[in-house]
Amino acid sequence: MKKTDFHISQAHDLIGTHSNLPFWISMIKASQMVIPPDTSKVVLDFGCGEGKFLPVFDLMDDLKTGVGFEVDDKLLSIAKERNQNSKISYAHYDKLANYKDYFDIAYSQEALYTLPDLKKHAQEMFNCLKKGGYYFATMGSHIQNPLWAHRREIIRREESYPVCDYSLEQVANVFFEVGFEVGLKRLPVEYFVIYHPEITKAFSKSYLDLVNSVYENKMLFLFWKET
């Protein structure tokens, strides 16, 4: 059942502050406009990091079981150590193939641009979803975002994971070809964009550029595995 009395302060109390929290909440709220209500859900978090998304989902919706998958062993270890929810577990990405036709819903936040083999990922997600299952994926790191070229070089300097150039059409076509119905909209972010004098300038040149990037170019894909 959708928990309509949710407030962001509940998430802060549970997981603390996190830069992805406004996007997670907005993605979950947008998905609740699509997924059937009043059902207990088996949920996948792809690229779970330290494991903070699924606890937030459990605050906002009816979580039956949740599994977070992560490729970074250090982050995965942190997620497992901090987990206090018996409905949630975490596993390495290479275990995803063991979950065929298992999940009702999957989510990922800014993970698609880190995947050199996007077709492989699309097929894996198709295989692990039940018929009628949904995959919601945010993507602001695409070549049609005017800030992407600037931001891409910073990420490549500071991070060890791959950084790929994809258009929204490329992503849509890859997922369509493996069998998904594909939908796209701007992510309806409901929260303020937080300012930091150094980070804002480094990643977005100006505060206004950052706001415009978040509200105009942060996209939400819907991939639906038809029944």
Protein backbone atom coordinates (compact mmCIF):
# COMPACT_ATOMS: atom_id res chain seq x y z
CA MET A 1 0.00 0.00 0.00
CA LYS A 2 1.31 3.46 -0.86
CA LYS A 3 2.33 5.23 2.34
CA THR A 4 0.85 8.65 1.63
CA ASP A 5 1.97 10.11 4.95
CA PHE A 6 5.67 9.83 4.03
CA HIS A 7 7.82 12.88 4.70
CA ILE A 8 11.47 13.37 3.73
CA SER A 9 12.38 13.80 7.41
CA GLN A 10 11.61 10.10 7.93
CA ALA A 11 14.26 9.20 5.38
CA HIS A 12 16.76 11.57 7.00
CA ASP A 13 16.11 9.93 10.35
CA LEU A 14 16.65 6.47 8.84
CA ILE A 15 19.63 6.92 6.50
CA GLY A 16 20.95 10.41 7.21
CA THR A 17 21.63 12.87 4.43
CA HIS A 18 22.50 11.63 0.95
CA SER A 19 22.88 13.50 -2.34
CA ASN A 20 20.70 10.93 -4.13
CA LEU A 21 17.84 11.08 -1.65
CA PRO A 22 15.73 13.69 -3.51
CA PHE A 23 16.10 11.67 -6.71
CA TRP A 24 15.24 8.38 -5.01
CA ILE A 25 12.09 9.84 -3.48
CA SER A 26 11.05 11.47 -6.75
CA MET A 27 11.65 8.24 -8.68
CA ILE A 28 9.62 6.18 -6.21
CA LYS A 29 6.75 8.68 -6.27
CA ALA A 30 6.75 8.72 -10.07
CA SER A 31 6.76 4.91 -10.19
CA GLN A 32 3.77 4.78 -7.84
CA MET A 33 1.74 6.48 -10.56
CA VAL A 34 2.34 3.44 -12.77
CA ILE A 35 2.75 0.30 -10.68
CA PRO A 36 -0.38 -1.43 -9.32
CA PRO A 37 -1.26 -0.13 -5.83
CA ASP A 38 -2.02 -2.17 -2.72
CA THR A 39 0.41 -4.96 -3.58
CA SER A 40 3.48 -6.18 -1.73
CA LYS A 41 6.48 -5.84 -4.03
CA VAL A 42 9.73 -7.69 -4.67
CA VAL A 43 12.21 -4.93 -5.55
CA LEU A 44 15.68 -4.80 -7.12
CA ASP A 45 18.09 -1.93 -6.56
CA PHE A 46 20.73 -1.97 -9.29
CA GLY A 47 23.94 -0.22 -8.28
CA CYS A 48 22.92 -0.13 -4.63
CA GLY A 49 26.12 1.46 -3.32
CA GLU A 50 26.01 1.55 0.48
CA GLY A 51 22.46 0.22 0.50
CA LYS A 52 20.34 3.25 1.34
CA PHE A 53 17.68 3.15 -1.41
CA LEU A 54 15.74 0.06 -0.35
CA PRO A 55 15.18 1.27 3.23
CA VAL A 56 13.69 4.45 1.77
CA PHE A 57 11.45 2.41 -0.52
CA ASP A 58 10.27 0.45 2.52
CA LEU A 59 9.24 3.74 4.15
CA MET A 60 7.26 4.79 1.10
CA ASP A 61 5.68 1.58 -0.20
CA ASP A 62 4.88 -2.03 0.62
CA LEU A 63 8.16 -3.93 0.35
CA LYS A 64 7.89 -7.71 0.45
CA THR A 65 11.54 -8.42 -0.34
CA GLY A 66 14.36 -6.23 -1.63
CA VAL A 67 17.75 -7.14 -3.07
CA GLY A 68 20.46 -4.60 -3.83
CA PHE A 69 23.18 -5.47 -6.35
CA GLU A 70 26.59 -3.79 -6.44
CA VAL A 71 29.85 -4.40 -8.31
CA ASP A 72 32.08 -2.53 -5.83
CA ASP A 73 33.07 -4.98 -3.07
CA LYS A 74 33.83 -2.23 -0.57
CA LEU A 75 30.43 -0.59 -0.99
CA LEU A 76 28.73 -3.98 -0.90
CA SER A 77 30.44 -4.81 2.38
CA ILE A 78 29.21 -1.54 3.90
CA ALA A 79 25.66 -2.21 2.71
CA LYS A 80 25.66 -5.65 4.32
CA GLU A 81 27.16 -4.44 7.59
CA ARG A 82 24.68 -1.58 7.99
CA ASN A 83 21.57 -3.49 6.98
CA GLN A 84 19.07 -3.81 9.82
CA ASN A 85 16.02 -4.71 7.74
CA SER A 86 15.22 -8.43 7.54
CA LYS A 87 13.30 -7.90 4.26
CA ILE A 88 16.43 -6.53 2.54
CA SER A 89 19.60 -8.28 1.39
CA TYR A 90 22.59 -7.37 -0.77
CA ALA A 91 24.56 -9.33 -3.35
CA HIS A 92 27.35 -8.89 -5.85
CA TYR A 93 26.28 -7.99 -9.38
CA ASP A 94 27.47 -11.34 -10.75
CA LYS A 95 24.70 -13.05 -8.74
CA LEU A 96 21.93 -11.31 -10.66
CA ALA A 97 21.61 -14.20 -13.13
CA ASN A 98 20.35 -16.38 -10.25
CA TYR A 99 17.15 -14.31 -10.00
CA LYS A 100 15.29 -15.24 -13.18
CA ASP A 101 11.67 -13.99 -13.38
CA TYR A 102 11.96 -12.91 -9.74
CA PHE A 103 11.40 -9.15 -9.33
CA ASP A 104 8.25 -7.06 -9.64
CA ILE A 105 10.13 -3.76 -9.91
CA ALA A 106 13.71 -2.63 -10.43
CA TYR A 107 15.28 0.79 -9.90
CA SER A 108 18.59 2.42 -10.74
CA GLN A 109 19.83 5.97 -10.12
CA GLU A 110 22.39 7.25 -12.66
CA ALA A 111 23.79 3.81 -13.43
CA LEU A 112 23.16 3.44 -17.17
CA TYR A 113 26.00 5.70 -18.30
CA THR A 114 28.51 3.56 -16.36
CA LEU A 115 27.73 0.42 -18.39
CA PRO A 116 29.87 -0.20 -21.50
CA ASP A 117 27.67 -3.15 -22.54
CA LEU A 118 24.20 -1.65 -22.27
CA LYS A 119 22.61 -4.45 -24.28
CA LYS A 120 23.89 -7.04 -21.78
CA HIS A 121 22.41 -5.03 -18.92
CA ALA A 122 19.05 -4.65 -20.68
CA GLN A 123 18.86 -8.40 -21.28
CA GLU A 124 19.80 -9.18 -17.68
CA MET A 125 17.10 -6.87 -16.38
CA PHE A 126 14.54 -8.34 -18.75
CA ASN A 127 15.42 -11.84 -17.55
CA CYS A 128 15.19 -11.05 -13.82
CA LEU A 129 11.81 -9.28 -13.99
CA LYS A 130 8.53 -11.12 -13.82
CA LYS A 131 6.13 -10.72 -16.71
CA GLY A 132 4.43 -7.40 -16.19
CA GLY A 133 7.48 -6.14 -14.24
CA TYR A 134 8.86 -2.60 -14.34
CA TYR A 135 12.35 -1.12 -14.44
CA PHE A 136 12.66 2.58 -13.58
CA ALA A 137 16.03 4.20 -14.31
CA THR A 138 17.08 7.83 -13.93
CA MET A 139 19.54 9.33 -16.38
CA GLY A 140 20.88 12.86 -16.38
CA SER A 141 24.29 11.79 -17.71
CA HIS A 142 23.42 11.69 -21.40
CA ILE A 143 24.86 13.55 -24.38
CA GLN A 144 21.72 15.67 -24.83
CA ASN A 145 22.33 17.29 -21.45
CA PRO A 146 24.29 20.51 -22.17
CA LEU A 147 26.36 20.03 -19.01
CA TRP A 148 27.34 16.44 -19.72
CA ALA A 149 30.59 17.15 -21.59
CA HIS A 150 31.81 19.30 -18.69
CA ARG A 151 30.72 16.85 -16.02
CA ARG A 152 31.99 13.78 -17.88
CA GLU A 153 35.61 14.91 -17.75
CA ILE A 154 35.43 15.50 -14.00
CA ILE A 155 33.96 12.04 -13.41
CA ARG A 156 36.63 10.43 -15.59
CA ARG A 157 39.37 12.14 -13.58
CA GLU A 158 37.95 11.37 -10.15
CA GLU A 159 36.27 7.97 -10.48
CA SER A 160 37.47 4.51 -11.50
CA TYR A 161 34.28 3.23 -13.15
CA PRO A 162 33.57 3.51 -16.92
CA VAL A 163 31.94 6.70 -18.23
CA CYS A 164 30.01 6.18 -21.47
CA ASP A 165 28.39 8.59 -23.93
CA TYR A 166 24.78 7.62 -24.68
CA SER A 167 21.89 9.50 -26.19
CA LEU A 168 18.39 8.94 -24.86
CA GLU A 169 17.47 7.37 -28.20
CA GLN A 170 20.35 4.89 -27.94
CA VAL A 171 19.22 3.75 -24.52
CA ALA A 172 15.59 3.50 -25.60
CA ASN A 173 16.48 1.45 -28.67
CA VAL A 174 18.67 -1.02 -26.75
CA PHE A 175 15.93 -1.78 -24.23
CA PHE A 176 13.25 -1.90 -26.93
CA GLU A 177 15.25 -4.48 -28.90
CA VAL A 178 15.45 -6.91 -25.96
CA GLY A 179 11.66 -6.82 -25.55
CA PHE A 180 10.76 -3.91 -23.25
CA GLU A 181 8.09 -1.31 -23.85
CA VAL A 182 9.96 1.95 -23.32
CA GLY A 183 8.68 5.19 -21.81
CA LEU A 184 10.46 8.42 -20.92
CA LYS A 185 9.70 11.59 -18.97
CA ARG A 186 11.55 14.25 -17.04
CA LEU A 187 12.09 13.17 -13.46
CA PRO A 188 9.65 15.28 -11.43
CA VAL A 189 12.10 16.37 -8.72
CA GLU A 190 10.14 17.91 -5.87
CA TYR A 191 12.98 19.13 -3.70
CA PHE A 192 15.42 22.03 -3.64
CA VAL A 193 18.78 21.82 -5.39
CA ILE A 194 21.39 22.25 -2.67
CA TYR A 195 24.21 24.75 -3.19
CA HIS A 196 27.89 24.20 -2.41
CA PRO A 197 30.41 26.87 -3.53
CA GLU A 198 32.99 24.38 -4.79
CA ILE A 199 30.94 21.35 -5.90
CA THR A 200 28.30 23.42 -7.69
CA LYS A 201 30.90 25.34 -9.68
CA ALA A 202 32.96 22.24 -10.49
CA PHE A 203 30.09 20.12 -11.75
CA SER A 204 27.74 22.70 -13.21
CA LYS A 205 29.65 25.95 -13.81
CA SER A 206 26.89 27.96 -12.12
CA TYR A 207 24.02 27.40 -9.69
CA LEU A 208 21.47 28.19 -12.39
CA ASP A 209 23.07 25.66 -14.72
CA LEU A 210 22.77 23.03 -12.00
CA VAL A 211 19.10 23.83 -11.37
CA ASN A 212 18.33 23.76 -15.09
CA SER A 213 20.19 20.48 -15.49
CA VAL A 214 18.27 18.82 -12.66
CA TYR A 215 14.83 20.03 -13.69
CA GLU A 216 15.20 19.94 -17.48
CA ASN A 217 17.63 17.13 -18.26
CA LYS A 218 17.29 14.60 -15.45
CA MET A 219 15.20 11.92 -17.17
CA LEU A 220 13.29 8.89 -15.94
CA PHE A 221 13.05 5.81 -18.13
CA LEU A 222 10.28 3.27 -17.74
CA PHE A 223 11.02 -0.18 -19.13
CA TRP A 224 8.03 -2.51 -18.95
CA LYS A 225 8.17 -6.27 -19.52
CA GLU A 226 4.80 -6.99 -21.06
CA THR A 227 2.56 -9.73 -19.72
